[in-house]
N, C-alpha and C. Protein backbone atom coordinates (compact mmCIF):
# COMPACT_ATOMS: atom_id res chain seq x y z
N UNK A 1 11.98 47.09 12.73
CA UNK A 1 12.59 45.80 12.63
C UNK A 1 11.98 44.82 13.64
N UNK A 2 11.63 45.32 14.78
CA UNK A 2 11.01 44.47 15.80
C UNK A 2 9.68 43.92 15.30
N UNK A 3 8.99 44.71 14.49
CA UNK A 3 7.72 44.28 13.94
C UNK A 3 7.89 43.05 13.04
N UNK A 4 8.95 43.06 12.26
CA UNK A 4 9.23 41.94 11.37
C UNK A 4 9.59 40.69 12.17
N UNK A 5 10.40 40.86 13.20
CA UNK A 5 10.78 39.73 14.04
C UNK A 5 9.56 39.14 14.75
N UNK A 6 8.70 39.99 15.23
CA UNK A 6 7.49 39.52 15.90
C UNK A 6 6.59 38.76 14.93
N UNK A 7 6.46 39.30 13.73
CA UNK A 7 5.63 38.65 12.70
C UNK A 7 6.22 37.28 12.34
N UNK A 8 7.54 37.24 12.25
CA UNK A 8 8.21 35.98 11.94
C UNK A 8 7.95 34.94 13.04
N UNK A 9 8.05 35.34 14.25
CA UNK A 9 7.85 34.43 15.38
C UNK A 9 6.41 33.92 15.45
N UNK A 10 5.48 34.78 15.15
CA UNK A 10 4.08 34.38 15.28
C UNK A 10 3.56 33.59 14.07
N UNK A 11 4.08 33.86 12.88
CA UNK A 11 3.57 33.19 11.69
C UNK A 11 4.41 32.01 11.22
N UNK A 12 5.70 32.11 11.34
CA UNK A 12 6.57 31.08 10.80
C UNK A 12 6.99 30.06 11.85
N UNK A 13 7.09 30.46 13.06
CA UNK A 13 7.57 29.56 14.12
C UNK A 13 6.70 28.31 14.29
N UNK A 14 5.37 28.36 14.17
CA UNK A 14 4.56 27.15 14.35
C UNK A 14 4.68 26.15 13.19
N UNK A 15 5.26 26.54 12.09
CA UNK A 15 5.31 25.67 10.91
C UNK A 15 6.07 24.36 11.13
N UNK A 16 7.22 24.34 11.79
CA UNK A 16 7.88 23.04 12.02
C UNK A 16 7.02 22.07 12.83
N UNK A 17 6.29 22.59 13.79
CA UNK A 17 5.41 21.72 14.59
C UNK A 17 4.29 21.16 13.71
N UNK A 18 3.71 21.99 12.88
CA UNK A 18 2.65 21.54 11.97
C UNK A 18 3.18 20.49 11.00
N UNK A 19 4.42 20.72 10.54
CA UNK A 19 5.05 19.79 9.60
C UNK A 19 5.23 18.42 10.26
N UNK A 20 5.67 18.41 11.50
CA UNK A 20 5.87 17.15 12.23
C UNK A 20 4.53 16.43 12.43
N UNK A 21 3.50 17.16 12.77
CA UNK A 21 2.18 16.57 12.96
C UNK A 21 1.64 15.98 11.66
N UNK A 22 1.84 16.71 10.56
CA UNK A 22 1.38 16.24 9.26
C UNK A 22 2.14 14.99 8.85
N UNK A 23 3.44 14.98 9.10
CA UNK A 23 4.27 13.83 8.77
C UNK A 23 3.82 12.60 9.56
N UNK A 24 3.52 12.79 10.82
CA UNK A 24 3.05 11.69 11.68
C UNK A 24 1.72 11.15 11.17
N UNK A 25 0.81 12.04 10.80
CA UNK A 25 -0.51 11.62 10.30
C UNK A 25 -0.37 10.88 8.97
N UNK A 26 0.49 11.34 8.09
CA UNK A 26 0.68 10.70 6.81
C UNK A 26 1.30 9.32 6.96
N UNK A 27 2.24 9.19 7.88
CA UNK A 27 2.85 7.88 8.12
C UNK A 27 1.83 6.90 8.68
N UNK A 28 0.97 7.37 9.55
CA UNK A 28 -0.07 6.50 10.11
C UNK A 28 -1.02 6.05 9.00
N UNK A 29 -1.40 6.95 8.13
CA UNK A 29 -2.30 6.61 7.03
C UNK A 29 -1.63 5.64 6.07
N UNK A 30 -0.34 5.85 5.80
CA UNK A 30 0.39 4.95 4.92
C UNK A 30 0.47 3.55 5.53
N UNK A 31 0.69 3.46 6.82
CA UNK A 31 0.71 2.16 7.48
C UNK A 31 -0.63 1.45 7.38
N UNK A 32 -1.69 2.21 7.54
CA UNK A 32 -3.04 1.66 7.43
C UNK A 32 -3.29 1.14 6.01
N UNK A 33 -2.88 1.92 5.01
CA UNK A 33 -3.07 1.51 3.61
C UNK A 33 -2.26 0.26 3.30
N UNK A 34 -1.04 0.20 3.82
CA UNK A 34 -0.22 -0.99 3.59
C UNK A 34 -0.86 -2.23 4.18
N UNK A 35 -1.46 -2.10 5.34
CA UNK A 35 -2.15 -3.23 5.95
C UNK A 35 -3.33 -3.68 5.12
N UNK A 36 -4.10 -2.73 4.62
CA UNK A 36 -5.25 -3.05 3.78
C UNK A 36 -4.80 -3.73 2.49
N UNK A 37 -3.73 -3.19 1.87
CA UNK A 37 -3.23 -3.77 0.63
C UNK A 37 -2.69 -5.18 0.85
N UNK A 38 -2.05 -5.40 1.99
CA UNK A 38 -1.52 -6.72 2.29
C UNK A 38 -2.66 -7.73 2.43
N UNK A 39 -3.72 -7.34 3.13
CA UNK A 39 -4.87 -8.23 3.28
C UNK A 39 -5.52 -8.51 1.93
N UNK A 40 -5.63 -7.48 1.09
CA UNK A 40 -6.23 -7.66 -0.23
C UNK A 40 -5.37 -8.59 -1.08
N UNK A 41 -4.05 -8.41 -1.02
CA UNK A 41 -3.14 -9.24 -1.79
C UNK A 41 -3.27 -10.70 -1.37
N UNK A 42 -3.35 -10.95 -0.07
CA UNK A 42 -3.49 -12.32 0.43
C UNK A 42 -4.82 -12.93 -0.01
N UNK A 43 -5.89 -12.16 0.03
CA UNK A 43 -7.20 -12.66 -0.38
C UNK A 43 -7.20 -12.98 -1.88
N UNK A 44 -6.60 -12.11 -2.68
CA UNK A 44 -6.56 -12.35 -4.12
C UNK A 44 -5.68 -13.54 -4.45
N UNK A 45 -4.58 -13.70 -3.72
CA UNK A 45 -3.71 -14.86 -3.95
C UNK A 45 -4.44 -16.15 -3.62
N UNK A 46 -5.19 -16.15 -2.52
CA UNK A 46 -5.96 -17.34 -2.14
C UNK A 46 -7.02 -17.64 -3.20
N UNK A 47 -7.65 -16.61 -3.71
CA UNK A 47 -8.68 -16.79 -4.73
C UNK A 47 -8.07 -17.37 -6.01
N UNK A 48 -6.91 -16.85 -6.42
CA UNK A 48 -6.25 -17.37 -7.62
C UNK A 48 -5.82 -18.81 -7.43
N UNK A 49 -5.27 -19.13 -6.28
CA UNK A 49 -4.81 -20.51 -6.06
C UNK A 49 -5.98 -21.47 -5.99
N UNK A 50 -7.14 -21.00 -5.56
CA UNK A 50 -8.32 -21.86 -5.50
C UNK A 50 -8.83 -22.18 -6.91
N UNK A 51 -8.58 -21.30 -7.86
CA UNK A 51 -9.03 -21.53 -9.23
C UNK A 51 -8.15 -22.54 -9.97
N UNK A 52 -6.92 -22.72 -9.51
CA UNK A 52 -6.01 -23.63 -10.20
C UNK A 52 -6.38 -25.08 -9.91
N UNK A 53 -6.26 -25.88 -10.93
CA UNK A 53 -6.56 -27.30 -10.79
C UNK A 53 -5.36 -28.04 -10.21
N UNK A 54 -5.63 -29.12 -9.54
CA UNK A 54 -4.57 -29.94 -8.97
C UNK A 54 -4.60 -31.32 -9.62
N UNK A 55 -3.65 -32.12 -9.30
CA UNK A 55 -3.61 -33.48 -9.84
C UNK A 55 -3.21 -33.51 -11.30
N UNK A 56 -3.76 -34.51 -12.04
CA UNK A 56 -3.39 -34.66 -13.44
C UNK A 56 -3.86 -33.49 -14.30
N UNK A 57 -5.02 -32.96 -13.98
CA UNK A 57 -5.53 -31.82 -14.74
C UNK A 57 -4.60 -30.61 -14.57
N UNK A 58 -4.14 -30.39 -13.35
CA UNK A 58 -3.21 -29.29 -13.09
C UNK A 58 -1.88 -29.52 -13.78
N UNK A 59 -1.40 -30.74 -13.79
CA UNK A 59 -0.16 -31.07 -14.48
C UNK A 59 -0.30 -30.83 -15.98
N UNK A 60 -1.44 -31.25 -16.55
CA UNK A 60 -1.66 -31.04 -17.97
C UNK A 60 -1.71 -29.54 -18.31
N UNK A 61 -2.38 -28.76 -17.48
CA UNK A 61 -2.44 -27.31 -17.71
C UNK A 61 -1.05 -26.70 -17.65
N UNK A 62 -0.26 -27.17 -16.73
CA UNK A 62 1.10 -26.66 -16.58
C UNK A 62 1.93 -26.97 -17.82
N UNK A 63 1.80 -28.20 -18.32
CA UNK A 63 2.58 -28.60 -19.48
C UNK A 63 2.09 -27.94 -20.77
N UNK A 64 0.80 -27.75 -20.89
CA UNK A 64 0.24 -27.21 -22.14
C UNK A 64 0.24 -25.68 -22.19
N UNK A 65 0.56 -25.02 -21.09
CA UNK A 65 0.61 -23.56 -21.10
C UNK A 65 -0.68 -22.91 -20.66
N UNK A 66 -1.70 -23.67 -20.38
CA UNK A 66 -2.97 -23.09 -19.94
C UNK A 66 -2.83 -22.44 -18.56
N UNK A 67 -1.90 -22.95 -17.77
CA UNK A 67 -1.70 -22.42 -16.43
C UNK A 67 -1.22 -20.97 -16.48
N UNK A 68 -0.35 -20.68 -17.44
CA UNK A 68 0.15 -19.30 -17.55
C UNK A 68 -0.97 -18.32 -17.85
N UNK A 69 -1.90 -18.75 -18.70
CA UNK A 69 -3.01 -17.85 -19.03
C UNK A 69 -3.90 -17.62 -17.84
N UNK A 70 -4.08 -18.61 -16.97
CA UNK A 70 -4.89 -18.42 -15.78
C UNK A 70 -4.17 -17.57 -14.74
N UNK A 71 -2.86 -17.72 -14.66
CA UNK A 71 -2.10 -16.92 -13.69
C UNK A 71 -2.05 -15.45 -14.11
N UNK A 72 -2.12 -15.22 -15.42
CA UNK A 72 -2.08 -13.85 -15.93
C UNK A 72 -3.34 -13.07 -15.56
N UNK A 73 -4.43 -13.76 -15.31
CA UNK A 73 -5.69 -13.08 -15.00
C UNK A 73 -5.66 -12.45 -13.69
């Protein structure tokens, strides 16, 4: 029975520590990905808004429905 207890202590005991380390690494990676996605979203939003016309042309597109087709892209 002592053999089983020793095996349990040596093989299973380190698992919670490994789990915590893995969780920490995954959260760090997720934070990094969120930052990258946020920057990409902002860049794409700026690009889309730059394509939209302003003034009377923009008003006409808004009224005629052309604006929706450009926003869908």
